[in-house]
Amino acid sequence: HLMALKIPGLPRADLYIKVVQFANQFLLENACVQGGWNHGNHISLGAELPPYRLTTAEALLALQEIPDNPKVVKAIEVLQSFEDEDSSPLSLALSCLALDVYGKPREKELSYLLARQKDDGSFSVNNMVNGLVLVALSGENPLKMSSSHETT
């Protein structure tokens, strides 16, 4: 995963830098035409495919050291445009964290997320998802990289 390669404190050998730059470029080249990302190619059989909340949030988290890139800026707009329908607790939690990284409001996503809380207090049968939701709700963002961590 690209974010794992960007953990602060890792050695920055030339090969490492090339791999991260290649991965960043791969993501940027495979952005959907209307912005954001989906789970595969952005075009299939000549048709433009739509972005998804989850993959757009994941890519934005991975590309946070290039916030002014036009595809990143467009993807933030796309992420903010998603509504409540078909949004899982996982995709909403990652959306909250991604929007926080870029200093964007996340109240809408937080309200969608809280609406998914079950009677027992959980958000999912998957404890990894519950943990990520708690991180998103906490206001702390361990996925936020320092601004001095340039790799491109």
N, C-alpha and C. Protein backbone atom coordinates (compact mmCIF):
# COMPACT_ATOMS: atom_id res chain seq x y z
N HIS A 1 0.84 -1.18 0.00
CA HIS A 1 0.00 0.00 0.00
C HIS A 1 0.88 1.23 0.00
N LEU A 2 0.53 2.18 -0.83
CA LEU A 2 1.34 3.39 -1.00
C LEU A 2 1.52 4.17 0.29
N MET A 3 0.48 4.23 1.11
CA MET A 3 0.59 4.99 2.36
C MET A 3 1.64 4.38 3.29
N ALA A 4 1.79 3.07 3.27
CA ALA A 4 2.80 2.43 4.12
C ALA A 4 4.20 2.87 3.73
N LEU A 5 4.42 3.13 2.46
CA LEU A 5 5.74 3.59 2.01
C LEU A 5 6.02 5.03 2.42
N LYS A 6 4.99 5.74 2.83
CA LYS A 6 5.14 7.15 3.16
C LYS A 6 5.19 7.42 4.66
N ILE A 7 5.32 6.39 5.45
CA ILE A 7 5.40 6.56 6.90
C ILE A 7 6.65 7.37 7.22
N PRO A 8 6.51 8.44 7.99
CA PRO A 8 7.68 9.24 8.35
C PRO A 8 8.74 8.40 9.05
N GLY A 9 9.99 8.70 8.73
CA GLY A 9 11.10 8.01 9.38
C GLY A 9 11.69 6.87 8.56
N LEU A 10 11.03 6.48 7.47
CA LEU A 10 11.59 5.43 6.63
C LEU A 10 12.78 5.98 5.85
N PRO A 11 13.78 5.14 5.58
CA PRO A 11 14.92 5.60 4.78
C PRO A 11 14.45 6.04 3.39
N ARG A 12 15.03 7.05 2.87
CA ARG A 12 14.64 7.59 1.57
C ARG A 12 15.68 7.29 0.50
N ALA A 13 15.94 6.03 0.24
CA ALA A 13 16.89 5.63 -0.80
C ALA A 13 16.32 6.01 -2.17
N ASP A 14 17.19 6.12 -3.17
CA ASP A 14 16.75 6.50 -4.51
C ASP A 14 15.66 5.57 -5.04
N LEU A 15 15.81 4.27 -4.84
CA LEU A 15 14.81 3.32 -5.33
C LEU A 15 13.47 3.57 -4.65
N TYR A 16 13.49 3.81 -3.37
CA TYR A 16 12.26 4.11 -2.62
C TYR A 16 11.56 5.32 -3.23
N ILE A 17 12.31 6.37 -3.47
CA ILE A 17 11.73 7.60 -4.02
C ILE A 17 11.13 7.34 -5.39
N LYS A 18 11.82 6.55 -6.22
CA LYS A 18 11.29 6.22 -7.55
C LYS A 18 10.01 5.40 -7.46
N VAL A 19 9.94 4.46 -6.53
CA VAL A 19 8.74 3.64 -6.36
C VAL A 19 7.56 4.51 -5.95
N VAL A 20 7.77 5.39 -4.99
CA VAL A 20 6.69 6.27 -4.52
C VAL A 20 6.24 7.20 -5.64
N GLN A 21 7.18 7.77 -6.38
CA GLN A 21 6.82 8.65 -7.49
C GLN A 21 6.04 7.89 -8.57
N PHE A 22 6.47 6.66 -8.85
CA PHE A 22 5.77 5.82 -9.83
C PHE A 22 4.34 5.54 -9.36
N ALA A 23 4.19 5.20 -8.09
CA ALA A 23 2.86 4.89 -7.55
C ALA A 23 1.96 6.13 -7.56
N ASN A 24 2.52 7.28 -7.18
CA ASN A 24 1.74 8.53 -7.25
C ASN A 24 1.27 8.78 -8.68
N GLN A 25 2.19 8.64 -9.63
CA GLN A 25 1.85 8.88 -11.03
C GLN A 25 0.80 7.89 -11.53
N PHE A 26 0.92 6.63 -11.12
CA PHE A 26 -0.07 5.62 -11.49
C PHE A 26 -1.46 6.03 -11.02
N LEU A 27 -1.56 6.46 -9.77
CA LEU A 27 -2.86 6.90 -9.25
C LEU A 27 -3.39 8.09 -10.04
N LEU A 28 -2.54 9.06 -10.28
CA LEU A 28 -2.98 10.26 -11.00
C LEU A 28 -3.43 9.92 -12.42
N GLU A 29 -2.71 9.02 -13.09
CA GLU A 29 -3.06 8.64 -14.46
C GLU A 29 -4.35 7.83 -14.52
N ASN A 30 -4.73 7.19 -13.43
CA ASN A 30 -5.91 6.34 -13.43
C ASN A 30 -7.10 6.97 -12.71
N ALA A 31 -7.05 8.28 -12.53
CA ALA A 31 -8.21 8.98 -11.96
C ALA A 31 -9.36 8.92 -12.96
N CYS A 32 -10.56 8.89 -12.45
CA CYS A 32 -11.74 8.92 -13.31
C CYS A 32 -11.80 10.26 -14.04
N VAL A 33 -12.40 10.25 -15.21
CA VAL A 33 -12.48 11.46 -16.03
C VAL A 33 -13.16 12.60 -15.27
N GLN A 34 -14.23 12.28 -14.52
CA GLN A 34 -14.94 13.33 -13.78
C GLN A 34 -14.30 13.62 -12.43
N GLY A 35 -13.19 12.95 -12.12
CA GLY A 35 -12.49 13.15 -10.86
C GLY A 35 -12.71 11.99 -9.92
N GLY A 36 -11.80 11.80 -8.99
CA GLY A 36 -11.90 10.70 -8.04
C GLY A 36 -11.41 9.39 -8.65
N TRP A 37 -11.64 8.30 -7.92
CA TRP A 37 -11.15 6.99 -8.35
C TRP A 37 -12.21 5.93 -8.13
N ASN A 38 -12.04 4.82 -8.88
CA ASN A 38 -12.87 3.64 -8.64
C ASN A 38 -11.95 2.45 -8.40
N HIS A 39 -12.47 1.24 -8.45
CA HIS A 39 -11.67 0.06 -8.12
C HIS A 39 -10.83 -0.48 -9.26
N GLY A 40 -10.88 0.10 -10.40
CA GLY A 40 -10.12 -0.43 -11.54
C GLY A 40 -9.78 0.67 -12.50
N ASN A 41 -9.89 0.36 -13.76
CA ASN A 41 -9.63 1.35 -14.79
C ASN A 41 -10.71 2.43 -14.77
N HIS A 42 -10.33 3.60 -15.21
CA HIS A 42 -11.30 4.69 -15.27
C HIS A 42 -12.15 4.64 -16.53
N ILE A 43 -11.73 3.83 -17.50
CA ILE A 43 -12.50 3.63 -18.73
C ILE A 43 -12.52 2.14 -19.04
N SER A 44 -13.69 1.62 -19.38
CA SER A 44 -13.83 0.21 -19.76
C SER A 44 -14.74 0.11 -20.97
N LEU A 45 -14.26 -0.57 -22.00
CA LEU A 45 -15.03 -0.74 -23.24
C LEU A 45 -15.52 0.60 -23.78
N GLY A 46 -14.67 1.61 -23.65
CA GLY A 46 -14.98 2.93 -24.17
C GLY A 46 -15.88 3.78 -23.30
N ALA A 47 -16.33 3.23 -22.18
CA ALA A 47 -17.22 3.99 -21.29
C ALA A 47 -16.44 4.52 -20.09
N GLU A 48 -16.71 5.79 -19.76
CA GLU A 48 -16.10 6.38 -18.57
C GLU A 48 -16.79 5.81 -17.34
N LEU A 49 -16.02 5.36 -16.39
CA LEU A 49 -16.58 4.76 -15.18
C LEU A 49 -16.63 5.79 -14.06
N PRO A 50 -17.60 5.66 -13.16
CA PRO A 50 -17.76 6.64 -12.09
C PRO A 50 -16.79 6.39 -10.94
N PRO A 51 -16.49 7.43 -10.19
CA PRO A 51 -15.66 7.26 -8.99
C PRO A 51 -16.50 6.72 -7.85
N TYR A 52 -15.84 6.12 -6.88
CA TYR A 52 -16.49 5.62 -5.67
C TYR A 52 -15.94 6.39 -4.47
N ARG A 53 -16.77 6.51 -3.46
CA ARG A 53 -16.37 7.21 -2.24
C ARG A 53 -15.13 6.56 -1.62
N LEU A 54 -15.17 5.24 -1.43
CA LEU A 54 -14.09 4.54 -0.72
C LEU A 54 -12.75 4.72 -1.43
N THR A 55 -12.69 4.42 -2.71
CA THR A 55 -11.42 4.48 -3.42
C THR A 55 -10.93 5.91 -3.61
N THR A 56 -11.85 6.85 -3.72
CA THR A 56 -11.45 8.26 -3.81
C THR A 56 -10.81 8.70 -2.49
N ALA A 57 -11.42 8.33 -1.38
CA ALA A 57 -10.84 8.68 -0.07
C ALA A 57 -9.47 8.02 0.11
N GLU A 58 -9.35 6.75 -0.27
CA GLU A 58 -8.06 6.06 -0.13
C GLU A 58 -6.98 6.74 -0.96
N ALA A 59 -7.29 7.06 -2.20
CA ALA A 59 -6.30 7.71 -3.06
C ALA A 59 -5.93 9.09 -2.53
N LEU A 60 -6.91 9.83 -2.05
CA LEU A 60 -6.60 11.15 -1.49
C LEU A 60 -5.70 11.05 -0.26
N LEU A 61 -5.92 10.06 0.56
CA LEU A 61 -5.03 9.85 1.71
C LEU A 61 -3.61 9.53 1.25
N ALA A 62 -3.49 8.75 0.18
CA ALA A 62 -2.17 8.37 -0.32
C ALA A 62 -1.46 9.52 -1.03
N LEU A 63 -2.21 10.48 -1.55
CA LEU A 63 -1.62 11.57 -2.34
C LEU A 63 -1.56 12.89 -1.59
N GLN A 64 -1.65 12.85 -0.29
CA GLN A 64 -1.79 14.10 0.47
C GLN A 64 -0.58 15.01 0.41
N GLU A 65 0.57 14.53 -0.02
CA GLU A 65 1.73 15.42 -0.10
C GLU A 65 1.71 16.28 -1.36
N ILE A 66 0.71 16.07 -2.24
CA ILE A 66 0.59 16.91 -3.44
C ILE A 66 -0.82 17.52 -3.49
N PRO A 67 -1.19 18.30 -2.48
CA PRO A 67 -2.57 18.80 -2.37
C PRO A 67 -2.99 19.75 -3.48
N ASP A 68 -2.03 20.37 -4.16
CA ASP A 68 -2.38 21.34 -5.21
C ASP A 68 -2.45 20.72 -6.59
N ASN A 69 -2.18 19.42 -6.70
CA ASN A 69 -2.30 18.76 -8.00
C ASN A 69 -3.76 18.87 -8.47
N PRO A 70 -3.99 19.26 -9.72
CA PRO A 70 -5.36 19.44 -10.20
C PRO A 70 -6.25 18.20 -10.03
N LYS A 71 -5.70 17.01 -10.18
CA LYS A 71 -6.51 15.80 -10.01
C LYS A 71 -6.87 15.56 -8.55
N VAL A 72 -6.00 15.97 -7.66
CA VAL A 72 -6.29 15.87 -6.23
C VAL A 72 -7.37 16.88 -5.86
N VAL A 73 -7.23 18.10 -6.34
CA VAL A 73 -8.22 19.15 -6.07
C VAL A 73 -9.60 18.71 -6.57
N LYS A 74 -9.64 18.19 -7.79
CA LYS A 74 -10.91 17.72 -8.36
C LYS A 74 -11.48 16.56 -7.55
N ALA A 75 -10.62 15.65 -7.11
CA ALA A 75 -11.08 14.49 -6.33
C ALA A 75 -11.67 14.92 -4.98
N ILE A 76 -11.10 15.95 -4.38
CA ILE A 76 -11.67 16.48 -3.13
C ILE A 76 -13.10 16.97 -3.38
N GLU A 77 -13.29 17.68 -4.49
CA GLU A 77 -14.63 18.15 -4.85
C GLU A 77 -15.58 16.97 -5.05
N VAL A 78 -15.10 15.94 -5.73
CA VAL A 78 -15.92 14.74 -5.97
C VAL A 78 -16.28 14.09 -4.64
N LEU A 79 -15.30 13.95 -3.76
CA LEU A 79 -15.56 13.32 -2.46
C LEU A 79 -16.62 14.10 -1.69
N GLN A 80 -16.53 15.42 -1.73
CA GLN A 80 -17.51 16.25 -1.03
C GLN A 80 -18.90 16.19 -1.68
N SER A 81 -18.97 15.77 -2.93
CA SER A 81 -20.26 15.74 -3.63
C SER A 81 -21.06 14.47 -3.37
N PHE A 82 -20.43 13.43 -2.85
CA PHE A 82 -21.16 12.18 -2.60
C PHE A 82 -22.23 12.40 -1.55
N GLU A 83 -23.35 11.76 -1.75
CA GLU A 83 -24.45 11.83 -0.79
C GLU A 83 -24.44 10.58 0.08
N ASP A 84 -25.49 10.39 0.83
CA ASP A 84 -25.59 9.32 1.82
C ASP A 84 -25.78 7.93 1.22
N GLU A 85 -26.40 7.84 0.07
CA GLU A 85 -26.75 6.55 -0.49
C GLU A 85 -25.51 5.67 -0.71
N ASP A 86 -25.69 4.41 -0.42
CA ASP A 86 -24.66 3.40 -0.68
C ASP A 86 -23.29 3.73 -0.08
N SER A 87 -23.27 4.40 1.03
CA SER A 87 -22.01 4.72 1.70
C SER A 87 -21.88 3.84 2.93
N SER A 88 -20.84 3.06 2.96
CA SER A 88 -20.61 2.16 4.09
C SER A 88 -19.92 2.92 5.22
N PRO A 89 -19.97 2.38 6.44
CA PRO A 89 -19.21 3.00 7.53
C PRO A 89 -17.72 3.13 7.20
N LEU A 90 -17.16 2.13 6.52
CA LEU A 90 -15.75 2.20 6.15
C LEU A 90 -15.49 3.37 5.20
N SER A 91 -16.30 3.49 4.16
CA SER A 91 -16.07 4.57 3.19
C SER A 91 -16.30 5.94 3.82
N LEU A 92 -17.26 6.03 4.72
CA LEU A 92 -17.51 7.31 5.40
C LEU A 92 -16.39 7.67 6.36
N ALA A 93 -15.87 6.68 7.09
CA ALA A 93 -14.75 6.95 8.01
C ALA A 93 -13.53 7.43 7.24
N LEU A 94 -13.20 6.74 6.14
CA LEU A 94 -12.05 7.16 5.34
C LEU A 94 -12.30 8.52 4.69
N SER A 95 -13.54 8.79 4.31
CA SER A 95 -13.87 10.12 3.76
C SER A 95 -13.62 11.21 4.79
N CYS A 96 -14.05 10.97 6.02
CA CYS A 96 -13.82 11.94 7.10
C CYS A 96 -12.34 12.20 7.29
N LEU A 97 -11.55 11.13 7.31
CA LEU A 97 -10.11 11.27 7.52
C LEU A 97 -9.45 11.98 6.34
N ALA A 98 -9.88 11.65 5.11
CA ALA A 98 -9.30 12.30 3.93
C ALA A 98 -9.65 13.79 3.90
N LEU A 99 -10.90 14.11 4.16
CA LEU A 99 -11.29 15.53 4.16
C LEU A 99 -10.54 16.30 5.24
N ASP A 100 -10.33 15.67 6.39
CA ASP A 100 -9.57 16.30 7.47
C ASP A 100 -8.14 16.60 7.04
N VAL A 101 -7.52 15.67 6.33
CA VAL A 101 -6.15 15.85 5.86
C VAL A 101 -6.03 17.13 5.03
N TYR A 102 -7.05 17.41 4.22
CA TYR A 102 -7.02 18.57 3.33
C TYR A 102 -7.68 19.80 3.93
N GLY A 103 -8.03 19.72 5.22
CA GLY A 103 -8.61 20.87 5.90
C GLY A 103 -10.01 21.22 5.43
N LYS A 104 -10.74 20.24 4.95
CA LYS A 104 -12.10 20.46 4.43
C LYS A 104 -13.14 20.06 5.47
N PRO A 105 -14.32 20.67 5.42
CA PRO A 105 -15.38 20.30 6.36
C PRO A 105 -15.78 18.84 6.17
N ARG A 106 -16.13 18.20 7.27
CA ARG A 106 -16.52 16.79 7.20
C ARG A 106 -17.79 16.51 7.99
N GLU A 107 -18.49 17.56 8.35
CA GLU A 107 -19.70 17.40 9.17
C GLU A 107 -20.76 16.55 8.48
N LYS A 108 -20.94 16.74 7.17
CA LYS A 108 -21.93 15.97 6.43
C LYS A 108 -21.61 14.48 6.51
N GLU A 109 -20.34 14.14 6.29
CA GLU A 109 -19.93 12.74 6.33
C GLU A 109 -20.05 12.17 7.74
N LEU A 110 -19.72 12.99 8.74
CA LEU A 110 -19.88 12.54 10.13
C LEU A 110 -21.34 12.25 10.46
N SER A 111 -22.24 13.08 9.96
CA SER A 111 -23.67 12.83 10.24
C SER A 111 -24.14 11.56 9.54
N TYR A 112 -23.67 11.33 8.31
CA TYR A 112 -24.01 10.08 7.62
C TYR A 112 -23.47 8.88 8.41
N LEU A 113 -22.27 9.04 8.92
CA LEU A 113 -21.62 7.96 9.66
C LEU A 113 -22.37 7.66 10.96
N LEU A 114 -22.69 8.68 11.70
CA LEU A 114 -23.41 8.48 12.97
C LEU A 114 -24.79 7.86 12.75
N ALA A 115 -25.40 8.13 11.61
CA ALA A 115 -26.70 7.54 11.30
C ALA A 115 -26.61 6.02 11.10
N ARG A 116 -25.39 5.52 10.92
CA ARG A 116 -25.20 4.08 10.72
C ARG A 116 -24.88 3.32 12.01
N GLN A 117 -24.81 4.04 13.11
CA GLN A 117 -24.50 3.37 14.38
C GLN A 117 -25.65 2.44 14.78
N LYS A 118 -25.28 1.24 15.18
CA LYS A 118 -26.27 0.22 15.56
C LYS A 118 -26.66 0.38 17.03
N ASP A 119 -27.72 -0.30 17.41
CA ASP A 119 -28.21 -0.23 18.79
C ASP A 119 -27.16 -0.63 19.82
N ASP A 120 -26.26 -1.54 19.44
CA ASP A 120 -25.22 -1.98 20.38
C ASP A 120 -24.02 -1.04 20.42
N GLY A 121 -24.08 0.06 19.65
CA GLY A 121 -23.00 1.04 19.64
C GLY A 121 -22.00 0.85 18.51
N SER A 122 -22.02 -0.30 17.89
CA SER A 122 -21.08 -0.57 16.80
C SER A 122 -21.58 0.04 15.49
N PHE A 123 -20.73 -0.04 14.50
CA PHE A 123 -21.07 0.43 13.16
C PHE A 123 -21.01 -0.69 12.14
N SER A 124 -20.39 -1.79 12.53
CA SER A 124 -20.17 -2.90 11.61
C SER A 124 -19.93 -4.17 12.41
N VAL A 125 -20.03 -5.32 11.75
CA VAL A 125 -19.64 -6.58 12.39
C VAL A 125 -18.12 -6.73 12.34
N ASN A 126 -17.46 -5.90 11.55
CA ASN A 126 -16.02 -5.95 11.38
C ASN A 126 -15.37 -4.98 12.37
N ASN A 127 -14.58 -5.50 13.28
CA ASN A 127 -13.95 -4.65 14.30
C ASN A 127 -12.92 -3.69 13.73
N MET A 128 -12.30 -4.03 12.61
CA MET A 128 -11.38 -3.09 11.97
C MET A 128 -12.16 -1.85 11.53
N VAL A 129 -13.35 -2.05 10.98
CA VAL A 129 -14.18 -0.92 10.56
C VAL A 129 -14.61 -0.11 11.78
N ASN A 130 -15.03 -0.79 12.85
CA ASN A 130 -15.42 -0.08 14.07
C ASN A 130 -14.26 0.76 14.60
N GLY A 131 -13.07 0.21 14.57
CA GLY A 131 -11.89 0.95 15.03
C GLY A 131 -11.62 2.17 14.18
N LEU A 132 -11.72 2.02 12.88
CA LEU A 132 -11.48 3.14 11.98
C LEU A 132 -12.55 4.22 12.15
N VAL A 133 -13.79 3.80 12.38
CA VAL A 133 -14.86 4.76 12.65
C VAL A 133 -14.55 5.54 13.92
N LEU A 134 -14.08 4.86 14.96
CA LEU A 134 -13.74 5.54 16.20
C LEU A 134 -12.61 6.55 15.99
N VAL A 135 -11.64 6.18 15.17
CA VAL A 135 -10.56 7.12 14.85
C VAL A 135 -11.15 8.35 14.14
N ALA A 136 -12.02 8.13 13.18
CA ALA A 136 -12.62 9.25 12.44
C ALA A 136 -13.45 10.15 13.36
N LEU A 137 -14.14 9.54 14.32
CA LEU A 137 -14.97 10.31 15.24
C LEU A 137 -14.16 11.02 16.32
N SER A 138 -12.95 10.55 16.57
CA SER A 138 -12.15 11.08 17.67
C SER A 138 -11.63 12.50 17.43
N GLY A 139 -11.52 12.88 16.18
CA GLY A 139 -10.95 14.18 15.87
C GLY A 139 -9.44 14.14 15.70
N GLU A 140 -8.82 13.04 16.08
CA GLU A 140 -7.38 12.84 15.85
C GLU A 140 -7.23 12.12 14.52
N ASN A 141 -6.19 12.43 13.78
CA ASN A 141 -6.01 11.81 12.47
C ASN A 141 -4.61 11.26 12.32
N PRO A 142 -4.41 9.99 12.66
CA PRO A 142 -3.08 9.40 12.53
C PRO A 142 -2.65 9.20 11.08
N LEU A 143 -3.55 9.39 10.13
CA LEU A 143 -3.20 9.22 8.72
C LEU A 143 -2.70 10.51 8.09
N LYS A 144 -2.68 11.59 8.86
CA LYS A 144 -2.21 12.88 8.36
C LYS A 144 -0.69 12.88 8.39
N MET A 145 -0.09 13.08 7.22
CA MET A 145 1.37 13.13 7.12
C MET A 145 1.84 14.55 7.37
N SER A 146 3.08 14.67 7.80
CA SER A 146 3.64 16.01 8.01
C SER A 146 3.85 16.66 6.65
N SER A 147 3.75 17.98 6.61
CA SER A 147 3.90 18.70 5.35
C SER A 147 5.33 18.65 4.83
N SER A 148 6.28 18.28 5.67
CA SER A 148 7.68 18.22 5.23
C SER A 148 8.02 16.90 4.57
N HIS A 149 7.06 16.01 4.45
CA HIS A 149 7.31 14.67 3.90
C HIS A 149 7.05 14.67 2.40
N GLU A 150 7.96 15.27 1.64
CA GLU A 150 7.81 15.37 0.19
C GLU A 150 8.40 14.15 -0.48
N THR A 151 7.65 13.57 -1.43
CA THR A 151 8.16 12.41 -2.16
C THR A 151 8.01 12.57 -3.66
N THR A 152 7.47 13.67 -4.12
CA THR A 152 7.29 13.82 -5.57
C THR A 152 8.16 14.91 -6.12
